[in-house]
Amino acid sequence: MDDQKKLKALAVDYLNVFTSPAGERILEDLRVSYGEKGSFDPENPDPLLTAFREGQRSHYLKILFMMEEAQKPEEDES
């Protein structure tokens, strides 16, 4: 299996996991915890805290990206 097909299969796995009832609840929790908040806090502008928060947020964004990739049509290899 080539790398592109492996990536697509993994993306489908993400979609299957996070569209299950439990996965939807987890994804909603991640959205509330990390997706709706900015990483920078003007009341505490510590760059290390901002970087930490952005790292948390990036995991949520990766899940969304992988789910979107799973729903893209297959590219024709001819």
PDB file of N, CA and C in Angstrom:
ATOM      1  N   MET A   1       0.855  -1.176   0.000  1.00  0.00           N
ATOM      2  CA  MET A   1       0.000   0.000   0.000  1.00  0.00           C
ATOM      3  C   MET A   1       0.899   1.236   0.000  1.00  0.00           C
ATOM      4  N   ASP A   2       0.639   2.153  -0.936  1.00  0.00           N
ATOM      5  CA  ASP A   2       1.476   3.346  -0.991  1.00  0.00           C
ATOM      6  C   ASP A   2       1.084   4.341   0.107  1.00  0.00           C
ATOM      7  N   ASP A   3       1.912   5.367   0.293  1.00  0.00           N
ATOM      8  CA  ASP A   3       1.702   6.319   1.378  1.00  0.00           C
ATOM      9  C   ASP A   3       0.370   7.052   1.260  1.00  0.00           C
ATOM     10  N   GLN A   4      -0.026   7.393   0.057  1.00  0.00           N
ATOM     11  CA  GLN A   4      -1.291   8.108  -0.148  1.00  0.00           C
ATOM     12  C   GLN A   4      -2.481   7.251   0.287  1.00  0.00           C
ATOM     13  N   LYS A   5      -2.439   5.975  -0.038  1.00  0.00           N
ATOM     14  CA  LYS A   5      -3.528   5.074   0.349  1.00  0.00           C
ATOM     15  C   LYS A   5      -3.531   4.846   1.862  1.00  0.00           C
ATOM     16  N   LYS A   6      -2.339   4.785   2.477  1.00  0.00           N
ATOM     17  CA  LYS A   6      -2.253   4.643   3.928  1.00  0.00           C
ATOM     18  C   LYS A   6      -2.850   5.862   4.619  1.00  0.00           C
ATOM     19  N   LEU A   7      -2.536   7.044   4.099  1.00  0.00           N
ATOM     20  CA  LEU A   7      -3.072   8.276   4.675  1.00  0.00           C
ATOM     21  C   LEU A   7      -4.593   8.307   4.553  1.00  0.00           C
ATOM     22  N   LYS A   8      -5.109   7.910   3.408  1.00  0.00           N
ATOM     23  CA  LYS A   8      -6.558   7.891   3.202  1.00  0.00           C
ATOM     24  C   LYS A   8      -7.214   6.885   4.145  1.00  0.00           C
ATOM     25  N   ALA A   9      -6.611   5.720   4.307  1.00  0.00           N
ATOM     26  CA  ALA A   9      -7.159   4.709   5.217  1.00  0.00           C
ATOM     27  C   ALA A   9      -7.161   5.220   6.655  1.00  0.00           C
ATOM     28  N   LEU A  10      -6.103   5.894   7.047  1.00  0.00           N
ATOM     29  CA  LEU A  10      -6.037   6.464   8.397  1.00  0.00           C
ATOM     30  C   LEU A  10      -7.092   7.547   8.573  1.00  0.00           C
ATOM     31  N   ALA A  11      -7.277   8.379   7.558  1.00  0.00           N
ATOM     32  CA  ALA A  11      -8.293   9.427   7.615  1.00  0.00           C
ATOM     33  C   ALA A  11      -9.686   8.816   7.771  1.00  0.00           C
ATOM     34  N   VAL A  12      -9.940   7.718   7.076  1.00  0.00           N
ATOM     35  CA  VAL A  12     -11.229   7.023   7.207  1.00  0.00           C
ATOM     36  C   VAL A  12     -11.378   6.477   8.624  1.00  0.00           C
ATOM     37  N   ASP A  13     -10.290   6.000   9.215  1.00  0.00           N
ATOM     38  CA  ASP A  13     -10.341   5.534  10.603  1.00  0.00           C
ATOM     39  C   ASP A  13     -10.743   6.680  11.540  1.00  0.00           C
ATOM     40  N   TYR A  14     -10.135   7.854  11.340  1.00  0.00           N
ATOM     41  CA  TYR A  14     -10.512   9.028  12.147  1.00  0.00           C
ATOM     42  C   TYR A  14     -12.002   9.306  11.993  1.00  0.00           C
ATOM     43  N   LEU A  15     -12.477   9.295  10.764  1.00  0.00           N
ATOM     44  CA  LEU A  15     -13.888   9.576  10.504  1.00  0.00           C
ATOM     45  C   LEU A  15     -14.784   8.550  11.184  1.00  0.00           C
ATOM     46  N   ASN A  16     -14.436   7.278  11.087  1.00  0.00           N
ATOM     47  CA  ASN A  16     -15.227   6.225  11.722  1.00  0.00           C
ATOM     48  C   ASN A  16     -15.268   6.377  13.239  1.00  0.00           C
ATOM     49  N   VAL A  17     -14.133   6.692  13.831  1.00  0.00           N
ATOM     50  CA  VAL A  17     -14.063   6.833  15.288  1.00  0.00           C
ATOM     51  C   VAL A  17     -14.873   8.041  15.755  1.00  0.00           C
ATOM     52  N   PHE A  18     -14.676   9.179  15.106  1.00  0.00           N
ATOM     53  CA  PHE A  18     -15.272  10.414  15.610  1.00  0.00           C
ATOM     54  C   PHE A  18     -16.685  10.679  15.094  1.00  0.00           C
ATOM     55  N   THR A  19     -17.248   9.765  14.312  1.00  0.00           N
ATOM     56  CA  THR A  19     -18.658   9.866  13.958  1.00  0.00           C
ATOM     57  C   THR A  19     -19.496   8.826  14.710  1.00  0.00           C
ATOM     58  N   SER A  20     -18.842   8.026  15.537  1.00  0.00           N
ATOM     59  CA  SER A  20     -19.582   7.126  16.419  1.00  0.00           C
ATOM     60  C   SER A  20     -20.202   7.984  17.532  1.00  0.00           C
ATOM     61  N   PRO A  21     -21.204   7.484  18.235  1.00  0.00           N
ATOM     62  CA  PRO A  21     -21.798   8.283  19.321  1.00  0.00           C
ATOM     63  C   PRO A  21     -20.770   8.728  20.370  1.00  0.00           C
ATOM     64  N   ALA A  22     -19.904   7.816  20.787  1.00  0.00           N
ATOM     65  CA  ALA A  22     -18.880   8.184  21.769  1.00  0.00           C
ATOM     66  C   ALA A  22     -17.896   9.185  21.176  1.00  0.00           C
ATOM     67  N   GLY A  23     -17.499   8.960  19.932  1.00  0.00           N
ATOM     68  CA  GLY A  23     -16.565   9.859  19.271  1.00  0.00           C
ATOM     69  C   GLY A  23     -17.129  11.255  19.101  1.00  0.00           C
ATOM     70  N   GLU A  24     -18.426  11.343  18.808  1.00  0.00           N
ATOM     71  CA  GLU A  24     -19.061  12.654  18.669  1.00  0.00           C
ATOM     72  C   GLU A  24     -19.055  13.402  20.000  1.00  0.00           C
ATOM     73  N   ARG A  25     -19.275  12.684  21.099  1.00  0.00           N
ATOM     74  CA  ARG A  25     -19.227  13.328  22.423  1.00  0.00           C
ATOM     75  C   ARG A  25     -17.820  13.807  22.745  1.00  0.00           C
ATOM     76  N   ILE A  26     -16.827  12.994  22.411  1.00  0.00           N
ATOM     77  CA  ILE A  26     -15.435  13.386  22.657  1.00  0.00           C
ATOM     78  C   ILE A  26     -15.062  14.585  21.789  1.00  0.00           C
ATOM     79  N   LEU A  27     -15.450  14.552  20.523  1.00  0.00           N
ATOM     80  CA  LEU A  27     -15.140  15.654  19.616  1.00  0.00           C
ATOM     81  C   LEU A  27     -15.797  16.951  20.090  1.00  0.00           C
ATOM     82  N   GLU A  28     -17.007  16.860  20.600  1.00  0.00           N
ATOM     83  CA  GLU A  28     -17.688  18.045  21.140  1.00  0.00           C
ATOM     84  C   GLU A  28     -16.927  18.585  22.350  1.00  0.00           C
ATOM     85  N   ASP A  29     -16.467  17.691  23.212  1.00  0.00           N
ATOM     86  CA  ASP A  29     -15.680  18.123  24.372  1.00  0.00           C
ATOM     87  C   ASP A  29     -14.386  18.802  23.926  1.00  0.00           C
ATOM     88  N   LEU A  30     -13.729  18.242  22.923  1.00  0.00           N
ATOM     89  CA  LEU A  30     -12.507  18.862  22.405  1.00  0.00           C
ATOM     90  C   LEU A  30     -12.800  20.225  21.780  1.00  0.00           C
ATOM     91  N   ARG A  31     -13.927  20.325  21.073  1.00  0.00           N
ATOM     92  CA  ARG A  31     -14.301  21.606  20.456  1.00  0.00           C
ATOM     93  C   ARG A  31     -14.492  22.673  21.529  1.00  0.00           C
ATOM     94  N   VAL A  32     -15.230  22.332  22.580  1.00  0.00           N
ATOM     95  CA  VAL A  32     -15.479  23.291  23.656  1.00  0.00           C
ATOM     96  C   VAL A  32     -14.173  23.636  24.384  1.00  0.00           C
ATOM     97  N   SER A  33     -13.342  22.634  24.617  1.00  0.00           N
ATOM     98  CA  SER A  33     -12.111  22.838  25.378  1.00  0.00           C
ATOM     99  C   SER A  33     -11.029  23.581  24.602  1.00  0.00           C
ATOM    100  N   TYR A  34     -10.914  23.289  23.302  1.00  0.00           N
ATOM    101  CA  TYR A  34      -9.783  23.822  22.540  1.00  0.00           C
ATOM    102  C   TYR A  34     -10.166  24.541  21.258  1.00  0.00           C
ATOM    103  N   GLY A  35     -11.278  24.171  20.661  1.00  0.00           N
ATOM    104  CA  GLY A  35     -11.625  24.725  19.361  1.00  0.00           C
ATOM    105  C   GLY A  35     -12.238  26.100  19.411  1.00  0.00           C
ATOM    106  N   GLU A  36     -12.861  26.443  20.526  1.00  0.00           N
ATOM    107  CA  GLU A  36     -13.540  27.729  20.633  1.00  0.00           C
ATOM    108  C   GLU A  36     -12.698  28.781  21.333  1.00  0.00           C
ATOM    109  N   LYS A  37     -11.563  28.405  21.825  1.00  0.00           N
ATOM    110  CA  LYS A  37     -10.732  29.329  22.593  1.00  0.00           C
ATOM    111  C   LYS A  37      -9.485  29.711  21.805  1.00  0.00           C
ATOM    112  N   GLY A  38      -9.098  30.946  21.937  1.00  0.00           N
ATOM    113  CA  GLY A  38      -7.826  31.355  21.357  1.00  0.00           C
ATOM    114  C   GLY A  38      -6.688  30.846  22.217  1.00  0.00           C
ATOM    115  N   SER A  39      -5.544  30.714  21.627  1.00  0.00           N
ATOM    116  CA  SER A  39      -4.383  30.219  22.368  1.00  0.00           C
ATOM    117  C   SER A  39      -3.744  31.313  23.209  1.00  0.00           C
ATOM    118  N   PHE A  40      -3.902  32.551  22.790  1.00  0.00           N
ATOM    119  CA  PHE A  40      -3.287  33.679  23.487  1.00  0.00           C
ATOM    120  C   PHE A  40      -4.254  34.241  24.512  1.00  0.00           C
ATOM    121  N   ASP A  41      -3.768  34.463  25.724  1.00  0.00           N
ATOM    122  CA  ASP A  41      -4.559  35.074  26.792  1.00  0.00           C
ATOM    123  C   ASP A  41      -3.927  36.419  27.136  1.00  0.00           C
ATOM    124  N   PRO A  42      -4.583  37.533  26.795  1.00  0.00           N
ATOM    125  CA  PRO A  42      -3.992  38.844  27.069  1.00  0.00           C
ATOM    126  C   PRO A  42      -3.791  39.113  28.555  1.00  0.00           C
ATOM    127  N   GLU A  43      -4.535  38.414  29.403  1.00  0.00           N
ATOM    128  CA  GLU A  43      -4.356  38.588  30.846  1.00  0.00           C
ATOM    129  C   GLU A  43      -3.133  37.833  31.367  1.00  0.00           C
ATOM    130  N   ASN A  44      -2.669  36.853  30.604  1.00  0.00           N
ATOM    131  CA  ASN A  44      -1.465  36.103  30.949  1.00  0.00           C
ATOM    132  C   ASN A  44      -0.713  35.824  29.651  1.00  0.00           C
ATOM    133  N   PRO A  45       0.035  36.815  29.154  1.00  0.00           N
ATOM    134  CA  PRO A  45       0.661  36.685  27.833  1.00  0.00           C
ATOM    135  C   PRO A  45       1.957  35.860  27.795  1.00  0.00           C
ATOM    136  N   ASP A  46       2.094  34.941  28.689  1.00  0.00           N
ATOM    137  CA  ASP A  46       3.280  34.082  28.735  1.00  0.00           C
ATOM    138  C   ASP A  46       3.390  33.286  27.429  1.00  0.00           C
ATOM    139  N   PRO A  47       4.494  33.451  26.687  1.00  0.00           N
ATOM    140  CA  PRO A  47       4.615  32.749  25.409  1.00  0.00           C
ATOM    141  C   PRO A  47       4.652  31.226  25.544  1.00  0.00           C
ATOM    142  N   LEU A  48       5.151  30.713  26.655  1.00  0.00           N
ATOM    143  CA  LEU A  48       5.166  29.260  26.846  1.00  0.00           C
ATOM    144  C   LEU A  48       3.752  28.721  27.060  1.00  0.00           C
ATOM    145  N   LEU A  49       2.932  29.467  27.773  1.00  0.00           N
ATOM    146  CA  LEU A  49       1.545  29.067  27.975  1.00  0.00           C
ATOM    147  C   LEU A  49       0.787  29.126  26.648  1.00  0.00           C
ATOM    148  N   THR A  50       1.049  30.159  25.864  1.00  0.00           N
ATOM    149  CA  THR A  50       0.419  30.275  24.549  1.00  0.00           C
ATOM    150  C   THR A  50       0.814  29.097  23.663  1.00  0.00           C
ATOM    151  N   ALA A  51       2.091  28.743  23.658  1.00  0.00           N
ATOM    152  CA  ALA A  51       2.565  27.613  22.856  1.00  0.00           C
ATOM    153  C   ALA A  51       1.929  26.308  23.327  1.00  0.00           C
ATOM    154  N   PHE A  52       1.808  26.124  24.636  1.00  0.00           N
ATOM    155  CA  PHE A  52       1.180  24.927  25.183  1.00  0.00           C
ATOM    156  C   PHE A  52      -0.269  24.830  24.725  1.00  0.00           C
ATOM    157  N   ARG A  53      -0.999  25.929  24.832  1.00  0.00           N
ATOM    158  CA  ARG A  53      -2.401  25.940  24.411  1.00  0.00           C
ATOM    159  C   ARG A  53      -2.538  25.689  22.911  1.00  0.00           C
ATOM    160  N   GLU A  54      -1.635  26.247  22.137  1.00  0.00           N
ATOM    161  CA  GLU A  54      -1.697  26.031  20.683  1.00  0.00           C
ATOM    162  C   GLU A  54      -1.420  24.569  20.349  1.00  0.00           C
ATOM    163  N   GLY A  55      -0.548  23.936  21.122  1.00  0.00           N
ATOM    164  CA  GLY A  55      -0.298  22.508  20.936  1.00  0.00           C
ATOM    165  C   GLY A  55      -1.546  21.680  21.205  1.00  0.00           C
ATOM    166  N   GLN A  56      -2.274  22.027  22.256  1.00  0.00           N
ATOM    167  CA  GLN A  56      -3.532  21.330  22.549  1.00  0.00           C
ATOM    168  C   GLN A  56      -4.514  21.529  21.397  1.00  0.00           C
ATOM    169  N   ARG A  57      -4.647  22.766  20.956  1.00  0.00           N
ATOM    170  CA  ARG A  57      -5.589  23.106  19.894  1.00  0.00           C
ATOM    171  C   ARG A  57      -5.235  22.390  18.592  1.00  0.00           C
ATOM    172  N   SER A  58      -3.939  22.223  18.332  1.00  0.00           N
ATOM    173  CA  SER A  58      -3.516  21.597  17.079  1.00  0.00           C
ATOM    174  C   SER A  58      -3.980  20.148  16.983  1.00  0.00           C
ATOM    175  N   HIS A  59      -4.101  19.455  18.102  1.00  0.00           N
ATOM    176  CA  HIS A  59      -4.600  18.076  18.068  1.00  0.00           C
ATOM    177  C   HIS A  59      -6.064  18.045  17.623  1.00  0.00           C
ATOM    178  N   TYR A  60      -6.851  18.956  18.147  1.00  0.00           N
ATOM    179  CA  TYR A  60      -8.255  19.056  17.737  1.00  0.00           C
ATOM    180  C   TYR A  60      -8.339  19.371  16.242  1.00  0.00           C
ATOM    181  N   LEU A  61      -7.535  20.312  15.786  1.00  0.00           N
ATOM    182  CA  LEU A  61      -7.557  20.690  14.374  1.00  0.00           C
ATOM    183  C   LEU A  61      -7.116  19.542  13.472  1.00  0.00           C
ATOM    184  N   LYS A  62      -6.171  18.723  13.935  1.00  0.00           N
ATOM    185  CA  LYS A  62      -5.739  17.577  13.132  1.00  0.00           C
ATOM    186  C   LYS A  62      -6.878  16.579  12.965  1.00  0.00           C
ATOM    187  N   ILE A  63      -7.626  16.340  14.022  1.00  0.00           N
ATOM    188  CA  ILE A  63      -8.765  15.427  13.921  1.00  0.00           C
ATOM    189  C   ILE A  63      -9.742  15.932  12.869  1.00  0.00           C
ATOM    190  N   LEU A  64     -10.066  17.230  12.914  1.00  0.00           N
ATOM    191  CA  LEU A  64     -10.981  17.801  11.926  1.00  0.00           C
ATOM    192  C   LEU A  64     -10.420  17.666  10.511  1.00  0.00           C
ATOM    193  N   PHE A  65      -9.128  17.932  10.353  1.00  0.00           N
ATOM    194  CA  PHE A  65      -8.484  17.826   9.043  1.00  0.00           C
ATOM    195  C   PHE A  65      -8.577  16.401   8.509  1.00  0.00           C
ATOM    196  N   MET A  66      -8.284  15.426   9.361  1.00  0.00           N
ATOM    197  CA  MET A  66      -8.313  14.030   8.925  1.00  0.00           C
ATOM    198  C   MET A  66      -9.724  13.607   8.542  1.00  0.00           C
ATOM    199  N   MET A  67     -10.714  14.080   9.282  1.00  0.00           N
ATOM    200  CA  MET A  67     -12.096  13.750   8.947  1.00  0.00           C
ATOM    201  C   MET A  67     -12.483  14.354   7.595  1.00  0.00           C
ATOM    202  N   GLU A  68     -12.015  15.564   7.326  1.00  0.00           N
ATOM    203  CA  GLU A  68     -12.276  16.192   6.030  1.00  0.00           C
ATOM    204  C   GLU A  68     -11.591  15.430   4.902  1.00  0.00           C
ATOM    205  N   GLU A  69     -10.368  14.987   5.139  1.00  0.00           N
ATOM    206  CA  GLU A  69      -9.628  14.225   4.125  1.00  0.00           C
ATOM    207  C   GLU A  69     -10.355  12.926   3.781  1.00  0.00           C
ATOM    208  N   ALA A  70     -10.938  12.297   4.787  1.00  0.00           N
ATOM    209  CA  ALA A  70     -11.651  11.036   4.563  1.00  0.00           C
ATOM    210  C   ALA A  70     -12.853  11.227   3.656  1.00  0.00           C
ATOM    211  N   GLN A  71     -13.418  12.413   3.665  1.00  0.00           N
ATOM    212  CA  GLN A  71     -14.626  12.664   2.893  1.00  0.00           C
ATOM    213  C   GLN A  71     -14.352  13.198   1.486  1.00  0.00           C
ATOM    214  N   LYS A  72     -13.083  13.453   1.180  1.00  0.00           N
ATOM    215  CA  LYS A  72     -12.734  13.897  -0.165  1.00  0.00           C
ATOM    216  C   LYS A  72     -12.837  12.720  -1.125  1.00  0.00           C
ATOM    217  N   PRO A  73     -13.280  12.988  -2.343  1.00  0.00           N
ATOM    218  CA  PRO A  73     -13.338  11.880  -3.325  1.00  0.00           C
ATOM    219  C   PRO A  73     -11.944  11.363  -3.653  1.00  0.00           C
ATOM    220  N   GLU A  74     -11.892  10.089  -3.982  1.00  0.00           N
ATOM    221  CA  GLU A  74     -10.631   9.460  -4.387  1.00  0.00           C
ATOM    222  C   GLU A  74     -10.128  10.108  -5.671  1.00  0.00           C
ATOM    223  N   GLU A  75      -8.826  10.337  -5.732  1.00  0.00           N
ATOM    224  CA  GLU A  75      -8.240  10.874  -6.965  1.00  0.00           C
ATOM    225  C   GLU A  75      -7.992   9.736  -7.925  1.00  0.00           C
ATOM    226  N   ASP A  76      -8.264   9.982  -9.180  1.00  0.00           N
ATOM    227  CA  ASP A  76      -8.043   8.980 -10.223  1.00  0.00           C
ATOM    228  C   ASP A  76      -6.555   8.871 -10.477  1.00  0.00           C
ATOM    229  N   GLU A  77      -6.014   7.657 -10.431  1.00  0.00           N
ATOM    230  CA  GLU A  77      -4.581   7.442 -10.611  1.00  0.00           C
ATOM    231  C   GLU A  77      -4.186   7.174 -12.046  1.00  0.00           C
ATOM    232  N   SER A  78      -5.092   7.334 -13.009  1.00  0.00           N
ATOM    233  CA  SER A  78      -4.745   7.043 -14.403  1.00  0.00           C
ATOM    234  C   SER A  78      -4.064   8.188 -15.080  1.00  0.00           C
TER     235      SER A  78
END
